[in-house]
Amino acid sequence: MEVKNLMYKLKDWYKPDDHLAVHIWSIDDVLGTAEEMGVELSVDDANEIIDNIDSHIDSEYGITWETIKTSIQLYLGEKKYG
């Protein structure tokens, strides 16, 4: 999700003085994890991965570093084997 879309949703769904618990992950987290894994990703790749994570989020489990690693591995597998 792009920041502008998040801002729209926050503005539409909540009042300015509402309290929220928020944890934000970005493509920097994806790129950094990929680098630690010895994998090179483009910004477009990282955007696809973070968007896929966002669209498949399960609130029972949340998003963790393992989620990001697994998402990178799945993305690369799909890209390689189509």
Protein backbone atom coordinates (compact mmCIF):
# COMPACT_ATOMS: atom_id res chain seq x y z
CA MET A 1 0.00 0.00 0.00
CA GLU A 2 1.35 3.43 -0.84
CA VAL A 3 1.62 6.00 1.95
CA LYS A 4 -0.94 8.24 0.24
CA ASN A 5 -3.50 5.40 0.38
CA LEU A 6 -2.74 4.74 4.04
CA MET A 7 -3.14 8.43 4.85
CA TYR A 8 -6.50 8.45 3.07
CA LYS A 9 -7.70 5.41 5.02
CA LEU A 10 -6.51 6.79 8.35
CA LYS A 11 -8.17 10.13 7.68
CA ASP A 12 -11.39 8.45 6.56
CA TRP A 13 -11.61 5.79 9.29
CA TYR A 14 -10.22 7.54 12.41
CA LYS A 15 -10.40 10.83 14.27
CA PRO A 16 -7.13 12.75 14.80
CA ASP A 17 -7.06 12.01 18.54
CA ASP A 18 -7.89 8.26 18.27
CA HIS A 19 -5.24 5.94 19.73
CA LEU A 20 -3.88 3.19 17.47
CA ALA A 21 -1.26 0.45 17.62
CA VAL A 22 0.68 0.51 14.36
CA HIS A 23 3.72 -1.34 13.08
CA ILE A 24 4.91 -0.27 9.63
CA TRP A 25 7.11 -2.32 7.30
CA SER A 26 8.60 -0.83 4.13
CA ILE A 27 10.60 -1.82 1.09
CA ASP A 28 13.75 -0.90 3.05
CA ASP A 29 12.96 -3.86 5.31
CA VAL A 30 12.54 -6.10 2.26
CA LEU A 31 15.73 -4.85 0.60
CA GLY A 32 17.73 -5.16 3.84
CA THR A 33 16.49 -8.70 4.44
CA ALA A 34 17.27 -9.66 0.85
CA GLU A 35 20.79 -8.29 1.26
CA GLU A 36 21.26 -10.35 4.44
CA MET A 37 20.09 -13.39 2.46
CA GLY A 38 22.63 -12.64 -0.28
CA VAL A 39 19.87 -11.80 -2.76
CA GLU A 40 19.73 -8.74 -4.98
CA LEU A 41 16.28 -7.23 -5.54
CA SER A 42 15.21 -4.19 -7.51
CA VAL A 43 12.97 -1.53 -5.99
CA ASP A 44 10.16 -2.86 -8.21
CA ASP A 45 10.73 -6.37 -6.83
CA ALA A 46 10.64 -5.05 -3.26
CA ASN A 47 7.44 -3.10 -3.99
CA GLU A 48 5.78 -6.26 -5.33
CA ILE A 49 6.89 -8.27 -2.29
CA ILE A 50 5.70 -5.70 0.28
CA ASP A 51 2.37 -5.28 -1.57
CA ASN A 52 1.93 -9.06 -1.60
CA ILE A 53 2.63 -9.23 2.14
CA ASP A 54 0.12 -6.43 2.74
CA SER A 55 -2.59 -8.08 0.66
CA HIS A 56 -2.17 -11.46 2.40
CA ILE A 57 -1.66 -10.28 5.98
CA ASP A 58 -3.10 -12.56 8.65
CA SER A 59 -3.73 -10.73 11.92
CA GLU A 60 -3.39 -14.01 13.82
CA TYR A 61 0.30 -14.11 12.87
CA GLY A 62 1.22 -10.55 11.92
CA ILE A 63 4.27 -9.63 9.88
CA THR A 64 7.68 -10.76 11.11
CA TRP A 65 11.19 -10.89 9.70
CA GLU A 66 10.45 -14.52 8.86
CA THR A 67 7.37 -13.40 6.89
CA ILE A 68 9.59 -11.12 4.84
CA LYS A 69 12.24 -13.82 4.26
CA THR A 70 9.63 -16.35 3.21
CA SER A 71 7.94 -13.82 0.93
CA ILE A 72 11.26 -13.08 -0.77
CA GLN A 73 11.92 -16.80 -1.27
CA LEU A 74 8.43 -17.38 -2.69
CA TYR A 75 8.73 -14.36 -4.99
CA LEU A 76 12.08 -15.50 -6.33
CA GLY A 77 10.75 -19.05 -6.82
CA GLU A 78 7.75 -17.77 -8.78
CA LYS A 79 9.97 -15.49 -10.83
CA LYS A 80 12.38 -18.34 -11.62
CA TYR A 81 9.87 -21.11 -12.23
CA GLY A 82 6.97 -18.92 -13.30
